[in-house]
């Protein structure tokens, strides 16, 4: 009996090439029809119940059916074929979704492929074999890809641990922020435990470097804190000396000198560094109590002085009122004498509050300037040298103008310009002197 050609049709599709971003052709898996929909297309059963499946090289005996007619017998073996087809599809799904190791999928696909030629099934065996072969090829590629991915992961893991080791070595050799550096080394260790895929030999080599870096850091940190303890002992002794001196100054009445000394003691305290915590706090309380005692006494004394200064300011305001009434326009000499007497009384009164000094001194200075200005004006009106200065300036102007003219007549323009500039400068002074003389 003849049967139809069951050679599967090969379909060429395209997929994206991840290396180039373009596409490359590949052979798509052939379609495998469900045998149970038309089992007589793929095999036959003879009158004795023997069941045969059609193949590319003729038909092959697959079993015997005695439980019913030919339709039922072919349907039974067709369902077994469909079970194989479904098993292939499941393996394809596993491979596509990475739900299992590709090596396991490859082993199952090969086992399935090797069993198909002798399988007791009725269906499109050629298409099924082609599909399984396609699955085997994809699985083999997936195995190679997984191997390459593991190698990439291993390389990345080695590179990351190398980075962590180098960072740890830098911290171990250089770090001085002990808390931050210690926390970072702990974080590096935590991350180290999560980095997997490094071969044992490389991992052990990197681990030895990391451990050495940690040991180096711990030794440096230990030495630092040992030195810090020594320094704190020295600081404690120094602060005890400062406390003793601060307590000896509490009864001083030399306010300015003692306040300056307390300021220096505070600077020395800060420069001494930190003592052990319990000692440092106790010494500070004694030091501050000594300061507070002195400055409370000084504040009380200064309050009395401030009251005295306020009264002095009131008295000086009375003098200012008198000074601001001086009229030097009628008698300059009398105005000068009156201002001199006011200035003498001003000095005798004494100090005023600091915040009032500029205001009061400024008002007295204004009154004195007014008297001085009147005296200067009177002197200028009687100054015999004023006209002589005007004549001298005019003579200098004429000299430079003559120099400019001579230079220009000889073609020396540069010297002419320079002489004109000098003449202009002296002309300005001449104008100012003439105006001063005219205003008298």
Protein backbone atom coordinates (compact mmCIF):
# COMPACT_ATOMS: atom_id res chain seq x y z
CA UNK A 1 0.00 0.00 0.00
CA UNK A 2 1.25 3.48 -0.91
CA UNK A 3 1.17 6.38 1.52
CA UNK A 4 1.67 10.09 1.19
CA UNK A 5 5.02 11.87 1.59
CA UNK A 6 5.51 12.89 5.22
CA UNK A 7 8.81 14.72 4.83
CA UNK A 8 8.45 17.83 7.02
CA UNK A 9 8.66 21.24 5.41
CA UNK A 10 11.59 23.31 6.64
CA UNK A 11 10.72 26.94 7.37
CA UNK A 12 13.40 29.61 7.50
CA UNK A 13 12.79 32.43 10.00
CA UNK A 14 14.94 35.22 11.37
CA UNK A 15 15.97 36.14 14.88
CA UNK A 16 17.86 39.06 16.34
CA UNK A 17 21.61 38.65 16.64
CA UNK A 18 22.49 39.91 20.16
CA UNK A 19 26.09 40.59 19.15
CA UNK A 20 25.27 42.93 16.27
CA UNK A 21 21.71 43.99 16.94
CA UNK A 22 20.74 42.71 13.44
CA UNK A 23 19.10 39.46 12.39
CA UNK A 24 20.42 36.08 11.32
CA UNK A 25 18.45 33.26 9.69
CA UNK A 26 17.75 30.01 11.53
CA UNK A 27 15.64 26.95 10.84
CA UNK A 28 12.33 27.04 12.65
CA UNK A 29 11.08 23.77 14.18
CA UNK A 30 8.79 21.87 11.78
CA UNK A 31 5.14 21.64 12.62
CA UNK A 32 4.00 18.22 13.86
CA UNK A 33 0.34 17.47 13.33
CA UNK A 34 -1.67 15.75 16.02
CA UNK A 35 -1.94 12.13 14.88
CA UNK A 36 -5.19 11.49 16.76
CA UNK A 37 -7.15 13.80 14.43
CA UNK A 38 -6.50 11.57 11.38
CA UNK A 39 -4.63 8.42 12.43
CA UNK A 40 -5.30 6.63 9.11
CA UNK A 41 -3.13 9.24 7.42
CA UNK A 42 -0.08 7.98 9.29
CA UNK A 43 -0.63 4.21 9.55
CA UNK A 44 -2.86 1.18 9.07
CA UNK A 45 -4.08 -1.95 10.84
CA UNK A 46 -4.54 -5.24 8.97
CA UNK A 47 -7.17 -7.90 9.49
CA UNK A 48 -5.05 -9.70 12.08
CA UNK A 49 -4.83 -6.60 14.29
CA UNK A 50 -1.23 -5.77 13.35
CA UNK A 51 -0.63 -2.02 13.38
CA UNK A 52 1.88 -0.32 11.06
CA UNK A 53 3.17 3.25 10.85
CA UNK A 54 4.20 4.86 7.57
CA UNK A 55 7.75 6.14 7.24
CA UNK A 56 10.11 7.51 4.61
CA UNK A 57 11.49 4.01 4.02
CA UNK A 58 8.16 2.23 4.06
CA UNK A 59 5.92 1.05 6.83
CA UNK A 60 7.03 -0.33 10.18
CA UNK A 61 5.20 -2.69 12.54
CA UNK A 62 4.48 -1.01 15.84
CA UNK A 63 2.15 -3.39 17.68
CA UNK A 64 -1.04 -5.37 17.76
CA UNK A 65 -4.59 -4.31 18.62
CA UNK A 66 -7.19 -6.92 19.56
CA UNK A 67 -9.56 -4.82 21.61
CA UNK A 68 -11.62 -3.35 18.78
CA UNK A 69 -11.79 -2.33 15.18
CA UNK A 70 -9.08 -0.69 13.08
CA UNK A 71 -10.23 2.85 13.89
CA UNK A 72 -9.88 2.29 17.61
CA UNK A 73 -6.53 0.55 17.18
CA UNK A 74 -5.03 3.35 15.09
CA UNK A 75 -6.47 5.95 17.50
CA UNK A 76 -4.75 4.18 20.43
CA UNK A 77 -1.32 4.31 18.79
CA UNK A 78 -1.98 7.85 17.50
CA UNK A 79 -2.63 9.03 21.06
CA UNK A 80 0.70 7.55 22.11
CA UNK A 81 2.30 9.55 19.28
CA UNK A 82 0.61 12.70 20.51
CA UNK A 83 2.01 11.98 23.96
CA UNK A 84 5.50 12.02 22.44
CA UNK A 85 4.69 15.25 20.59
CA UNK A 86 3.51 16.86 23.82
CA UNK A 87 6.66 15.67 25.59
CA UNK A 88 8.73 17.40 22.89
CA UNK A 89 6.72 20.58 23.32
CA UNK A 90 7.25 20.46 27.08
CA UNK A 91 11.01 20.15 26.57
CA UNK A 92 10.88 23.10 24.18
CA UNK A 93 9.02 25.14 26.79
CA UNK A 94 11.57 24.24 29.46
CA UNK A 95 14.37 25.32 27.17
CA UNK A 96 12.67 28.58 26.22
CA UNK A 97 11.74 29.51 29.80
CA UNK A 98 14.99 28.27 31.38
CA UNK A 99 12.92 26.31 33.90
CA UNK A 100 15.64 23.66 34.08
CA UNK A 101 19.29 23.25 33.21
CA UNK A 102 19.77 23.09 29.42
CA UNK A 103 22.00 20.05 29.94
CA UNK A 104 19.06 18.16 31.48
CA UNK A 105 16.85 19.21 28.57
CA UNK A 106 19.52 18.06 26.10
CA UNK A 107 19.78 14.65 27.78
CA UNK A 108 15.99 14.20 27.72
CA UNK A 109 15.79 15.35 24.07
CA UNK A 110 18.49 12.90 22.99
CA UNK A 111 16.83 10.08 24.89
CA UNK A 112 13.52 10.91 23.23
CA UNK A 113 15.13 11.19 19.79
CA UNK A 114 16.87 7.85 20.15
CA UNK A 115 13.60 6.13 21.08
CA UNK A 116 11.40 7.49 18.29
CA UNK A 117 12.58 5.10 15.50
CA UNK A 118 11.37 2.12 17.57
CA UNK A 119 8.44 3.82 19.29
CA UNK A 120 5.09 1.99 19.16
CA UNK A 121 3.19 5.00 17.85
CA UNK A 122 1.33 6.08 14.76
CA UNK A 123 1.93 9.59 13.50
CA UNK A 124 4.16 11.87 11.49
CA UNK A 125 7.43 10.32 12.66
CA UNK A 126 9.59 12.22 10.16
CA UNK A 127 8.25 15.59 11.39
CA UNK A 128 8.58 14.51 15.00
CA UNK A 129 12.17 13.35 14.48
CA UNK A 130 12.99 16.61 12.69
CA UNK A 131 11.46 18.60 15.54
CA UNK A 132 13.38 16.65 18.12
CA UNK A 133 16.59 17.13 16.11
CA UNK A 134 15.85 20.84 16.06
CA UNK A 135 15.28 20.72 19.83
CA UNK A 136 18.57 18.85 20.32
CA UNK A 137 20.41 21.51 18.31
CA UNK A 138 18.87 24.32 20.34
CA UNK A 139 19.62 22.51 23.58
CA UNK A 140 23.25 21.96 22.56
CA UNK A 141 23.52 25.68 21.78
CA UNK A 142 21.88 26.49 25.11
CA UNK A 143 24.41 24.26 26.86
CA UNK A 144 27.24 26.16 25.17
CA UNK A 145 25.60 29.48 25.99
CA UNK A 146 25.18 28.45 29.62
CA UNK A 147 28.80 27.42 29.73
CA UNK A 148 29.85 30.77 28.29
CA UNK A 149 27.54 32.57 30.71
CA UNK A 150 29.05 30.68 33.64
CA UNK A 151 32.49 31.71 32.43
CA UNK A 152 31.36 35.33 32.14
CA UNK A 153 29.83 35.12 35.60
CA UNK A 154 33.03 33.61 36.94
CA UNK A 155 35.10 36.37 35.31
CA UNK A 156 32.74 39.01 36.69
CA UNK A 157 32.87 37.41 40.13
CA UNK A 158 36.67 37.31 40.06
CA UNK A 159 36.78 40.93 38.87
CA UNK A 160 34.39 42.04 41.62
CA UNK A 161 36.33 40.24 44.33
CA UNK A 162 39.52 41.73 42.91
CA UNK A 163 37.94 45.19 43.24
CA UNK A 164 36.87 44.44 46.82
CA UNK A 165 40.37 43.20 47.69
CA UNK A 166 42.00 46.31 46.22
CA UNK A 167 39.63 48.56 48.12
CA UNK A 168 40.29 46.63 51.33
CA UNK A 169 44.05 46.92 50.77
CA UNK A 170 43.78 50.67 50.30
CA UNK A 171 41.69 50.97 53.46
CA UNK A 172 44.13 48.77 55.37
CA UNK A 173 47.10 50.86 54.29
CA UNK A 174 45.73 54.40 54.34
CA UNK A 175 42.39 54.85 56.16
CA UNK A 176 42.30 56.97 59.31
CA UNK A 177 38.53 57.40 59.65
CA UNK A 178 38.41 54.30 61.82
CA UNK A 179 34.64 53.97 62.31
CA UNK A 180 33.82 54.57 58.65
CA UNK A 181 36.65 52.36 57.43
CA UNK A 182 35.73 49.54 59.83
CA UNK A 183 32.11 49.67 58.69
CA UNK A 184 33.23 49.59 55.07
CA UNK A 185 35.42 46.52 55.64
CA UNK A 186 32.45 44.78 57.25
CA UNK A 187 30.27 45.70 54.25
CA UNK A 188 32.98 44.38 51.91
CA UNK A 189 32.98 41.08 53.83
CA UNK A 190 29.20 40.85 53.62
CA UNK A 191 29.30 41.46 49.87
CA UNK A 192 32.20 39.02 49.51
CA UNK A 193 29.99 36.22 50.84
CA UNK A 194 27.38 36.94 48.15
CA UNK A 195 29.82 36.82 45.22
CA UNK A 196 29.84 33.25 43.96
CA UNK A 197 31.24 31.34 41.02
CA UNK A 198 34.96 31.91 41.65
CA UNK A 199 37.15 28.81 41.41
CA UNK A 200 38.58 27.65 44.72
CA UNK A 201 42.23 28.42 43.94
CA UNK A 202 41.55 31.99 42.85
CA UNK A 203 39.10 32.51 45.71
CA UNK A 204 41.66 31.37 48.28
CA UNK A 205 44.32 33.66 46.83
CA UNK A 206 42.01 36.67 46.92
CA UNK A 207 40.79 35.77 50.41
CA UNK A 208 44.35 35.71 51.75
CA UNK A 209 44.91 39.21 50.38
CA UNK A 210 41.63 40.41 51.88
CA UNK A 211 42.44 38.89 55.28
CA UNK A 212 45.89 40.49 55.22
CA UNK A 213 44.36 43.88 54.44
CA UNK A 214 41.95 43.53 57.38
CA UNK A 215 44.78 42.50 59.70
CA UNK A 216 46.82 45.51 58.57
CA UNK A 217 43.91 47.83 59.26
CA UNK A 218 43.26 46.29 62.69
CA UNK A 219 46.92 46.66 63.68
CA UNK A 220 46.99 50.28 62.58
CA UNK A 221 43.72 51.00 64.38
CA UNK A 222 44.99 49.28 67.54
CA UNK A 223 48.19 51.33 67.47
CA UNK A 224 46.17 54.50 66.93
CA UNK A 225 43.96 53.95 69.94
CA UNK A 226 46.89 52.91 72.10
CA UNK A 227 48.57 56.20 71.23
CA UNK A 228 45.28 57.99 71.81
CA UNK A 229 45.10 56.53 75.33
CA UNK A 230 48.62 57.78 75.99
CA UNK A 231 47.72 61.24 74.69
CA UNK A 232 44.60 61.32 76.83
CA UNK A 233 46.71 60.61 79.90
CA UNK A 234 48.94 63.58 79.01
CA UNK A 235 45.83 65.72 78.37
CA UNK A 236 44.41 64.79 81.78
CA UNK A 237 47.57 65.98 83.55
CA UNK A 238 47.63 69.21 81.52
CA UNK A 239 43.97 69.96 82.21
CA UNK A 240 44.51 69.35 85.93
CA UNK A 241 47.20 72.07 85.84
CA UNK A 242 44.82 74.44 84.03
CA UNK A 243 42.04 73.78 86.56
CA UNK A 244 44.40 74.50 89.46
CA UNK A 245 45.42 77.86 87.94
CA UNK A 246 41.81 78.77 87.05
CA UNK A 247 40.72 78.15 90.64
CA UNK A 248 43.59 80.28 91.97
CA UNK A 249 42.39 83.32 89.94
CA UNK A 250 38.78 83.41 91.14
CA UNK A 251 39.40 86.16 93.75
CA UNK A 252 41.46 88.43 91.46
CA UNK A 253 40.34 92.06 91.04
CA UNK A 254 42.66 92.78 88.14
CA UNK A 255 39.70 92.41 85.80
CA UNK A 256 41.30 93.00 82.43
CA UNK A 257 44.48 90.99 82.98
CA UNK A 258 42.68 88.11 84.67
CA UNK A 259 39.95 87.97 82.00
CA UNK A 260 42.67 87.79 79.34
CA UNK A 261 44.36 85.02 81.32
CA UNK A 262 41.12 83.04 81.52
CA UNK A 263 40.79 83.44 77.76
CA UNK A 264 44.28 82.01 77.31
CA UNK A 265 43.51 79.20 79.74
CA UNK A 266 40.47 78.32 77.61
CA UNK A 267 42.65 78.22 74.48
CA UNK A 268 45.14 76.01 76.32
CA UNK A 269 42.27 73.77 77.45
CA UNK A 270 41.14 73.24 73.85
CA UNK A 271 44.72 72.65 72.72
CA UNK A 272 45.30 70.05 75.43
CA UNK A 273 43.07 67.54 73.69
CA UNK A 274 40.62 65.07 75.20
CA UNK A 275 41.25 63.36 78.51
CA UNK A 276 39.54 60.07 79.42
CA UNK A 277 35.80 60.68 79.30
CA UNK A 278 35.02 60.46 83.03
CA UNK A 279 38.01 62.62 83.99
CA UNK A 280 37.41 65.12 81.19
CA UNK A 281 33.88 65.93 82.30
CA UNK A 282 34.81 66.29 85.99
CA UNK A 283 37.77 68.56 85.21
CA UNK A 284 35.64 70.67 82.86
CA UNK A 285 33.02 71.25 85.56
CA UNK A 286 35.71 72.52 87.95
CA UNK A 287 37.30 74.70 85.26
CA UNK A 288 33.97 76.23 84.28
CA UNK A 289 32.96 76.82 87.90
CA UNK A 290 36.19 78.78 88.46
CA UNK A 291 35.51 80.90 85.37
CA UNK A 292 31.91 81.53 86.39
CA UNK A 293 32.98 82.65 89.87
CA UNK A 294 35.48 85.21 88.55
CA UNK A 295 33.26 86.58 85.79
CA UNK A 296 30.28 86.89 88.15
CA UNK A 297 32.41 89.04 90.45
CA UNK A 298 33.69 91.05 87.49
CA UNK A 299 30.16 91.55 86.18
CA UNK A 300 29.05 92.94 89.53
CA UNK A 301 32.04 95.31 89.62
CA UNK A 302 31.46 96.39 86.04
CA UNK A 303 27.82 97.11 86.76
CA UNK A 304 28.93 99.67 89.34
CA UNK A 305 31.41 101.08 86.81
CA UNK A 306 28.69 101.28 84.15
CA UNK A 307 26.56 103.39 86.47
CA UNK A 308 29.53 105.75 86.95
CA UNK A 309 30.12 105.88 83.17
CA UNK A 310 26.45 106.67 82.56
CA UNK A 311 26.70 109.66 84.91
CA UNK A 312 29.87 110.79 83.09
CA UNK A 313 27.96 110.63 79.79
CA UNK A 314 25.26 112.87 81.24
CA UNK A 315 27.84 115.44 82.35
CA UNK A 316 29.54 115.37 78.93
CA UNK A 317 26.20 115.97 77.23
CA UNK A 318 25.90 119.16 79.28
CA UNK A 319 29.37 120.21 78.09
CA UNK A 320 28.41 119.43 74.50
CA UNK A 321 25.38 121.64 74.75
CA UNK A 322 27.69 124.47 75.86
CA UNK A 323 30.26 123.71 73.09
CA UNK A 324 27.60 123.63 70.38
CA UNK A 325 26.46 127.13 71.41
CA UNK A 326 29.93 128.65 70.75
CA UNK A 327 29.79 131.29 67.95
CA UNK A 328 33.32 131.87 66.53
CA UNK A 329 32.12 134.34 63.87
CA UNK A 330 32.36 137.35 66.19
CA UNK A 331 35.50 136.59 68.23
CA UNK A 332 37.65 133.62 67.20
CA UNK A 333 40.09 133.99 70.11
CA UNK A 334 37.29 133.97 72.69
CA UNK A 335 35.75 130.92 71.00
CA UNK A 336 39.09 129.09 71.14
CA UNK A 337 39.51 129.86 74.83
CA UNK A 338 36.01 128.69 75.65
CA UNK A 339 36.53 125.46 73.66
CA UNK A 340 39.83 124.83 75.48
CA UNK A 341 38.14 125.13 78.88
CA UNK A 342 35.40 122.72 77.78
CA UNK A 343 38.00 120.20 76.58
CA UNK A 344 39.81 120.35 79.92
CA UNK A 345 36.60 119.71 81.85
CA UNK A 346 35.76 116.93 79.34
CA UNK A 347 38.96 115.05 80.19
CA UNK A 348 38.44 115.52 83.93
CA UNK A 349 34.98 113.90 83.82
CA UNK A 350 36.40 110.54 82.72
CA UNK A 351 35.11 107.55 80.75
CA UNK A 352 31.62 106.99 79.36
CA UNK A 353 29.91 103.76 78.22
CA UNK A 354 31.70 102.27 75.21
CA UNK A 355 28.59 102.44 73.02
CA UNK A 356 28.33 106.23 73.66
CA UNK A 357 31.98 107.10 73.00
CA UNK A 358 31.79 107.58 69.21
CA UNK A 359 28.62 109.67 69.40
CA UNK A 360 29.85 112.01 72.14
CA UNK A 361 33.40 112.36 70.80
CA UNK A 362 31.96 113.04 67.33
CA UNK A 363 29.80 115.89 68.58
CA UNK A 364 32.74 117.48 70.46
CA UNK A 365 34.93 117.08 67.37
CA UNK A 366 32.28 118.83 65.24
CA UNK A 367 32.22 121.79 67.63
CA UNK A 368 36.02 121.95 67.61
CA UNK A 369 36.11 121.75 63.80
CA UNK A 370 33.73 124.68 63.57
CA UNK A 371 36.01 126.81 65.75
CA UNK A 372 39.13 125.61 63.91
CA UNK A 373 37.56 126.35 60.52
CA UNK A 374 36.79 129.91 61.60
CA UNK A 375 40.38 130.35 62.78
CA UNK A 376 41.75 128.98 59.51
CA UNK A 377 39.57 131.33 57.50
CA UNK A 378 40.75 134.29 59.51
CA UNK A 379 44.38 133.25 59.02
CA UNK A 380 43.99 132.84 55.26
CA UNK A 381 42.59 136.36 54.97
CA UNK A 382 45.78 137.72 56.51
CA UNK A 383 48.20 135.30 54.82
CA UNK A 384 50.92 137.37 52.98
CA UNK A 385 52.08 134.35 51.03
CA UNK A 386 48.75 133.69 49.25
CA UNK A 387 49.34 136.22 46.44
CA UNK A 388 52.93 135.04 46.09
CA UNK A 389 51.68 131.48 45.49
CA UNK A 390 49.26 132.74 42.82
CA UNK A 391 52.07 134.63 41.08
CA UNK A 392 54.35 131.59 41.28
CA UNK A 393 51.69 129.29 39.74
CA UNK A 394 51.06 131.80 36.94
CA UNK A 395 54.79 131.98 36.20
CA UNK A 396 55.04 128.20 35.97
CA UNK A 397 52.09 128.07 33.57
CA UNK A 398 53.77 130.63 31.31
CA UNK A 399 57.08 128.73 31.40
CA UNK A 400 55.52 125.45 30.25
CA UNK A 401 53.46 127.21 27.57
CA UNK A 402 56.69 128.73 26.19
CA UNK A 403 58.37 125.29 26.25
CA UNK A 404 55.46 123.83 24.32
CA UNK A 405 55.62 126.57 21.72
CA UNK A 406 59.40 126.12 21.22
CA UNK A 407 59.05 122.32 20.92
CA UNK A 408 56.26 122.64 18.37
CA UNK A 409 58.27 125.14 16.32
CA UNK A 410 61.09 122.56 16.06
CA UNK A 411 58.66 119.76 15.15
CA UNK A 412 59.04 117.92 18.49
CA UNK A 413 55.38 117.15 19.00
CA UNK A 414 55.98 114.73 21.85
CA UNK A 415 57.79 117.30 24.01
CA UNK A 416 55.19 119.89 23.07
CA UNK A 417 52.35 117.68 24.31
CA UNK A 418 54.21 116.89 27.51
CA UNK A 419 54.83 120.60 28.22
CA UNK A 420 51.17 121.41 27.53
CA UNK A 421 50.08 118.72 29.98
CA UNK A 422 52.36 120.20 32.65
CA UNK A 423 51.06 123.70 31.87
CA UNK A 424 47.48 122.45 32.26
CA UNK A 425 48.29 120.93 35.65
CA UNK A 426 49.81 124.18 36.92
CA UNK A 427 46.89 126.11 35.44
CA UNK A 428 44.48 124.05 37.59
CA UNK A 429 46.53 124.87 40.70
CA UNK A 430 46.60 128.53 39.68
CA UNK A 431 42.80 128.55 39.37
CA UNK A 432 42.38 126.95 42.80
CA UNK A 433 44.79 129.39 44.45
CA UNK A 434 43.16 132.40 42.74
CA UNK A 435 39.69 131.25 43.85
CA UNK A 436 40.91 130.80 47.43
CA UNK A 437 42.35 134.30 47.38
CA UNK A 438 39.15 135.76 45.91
CA UNK A 439 36.98 134.11 48.61
CA UNK A 440 38.76 135.90 51.42
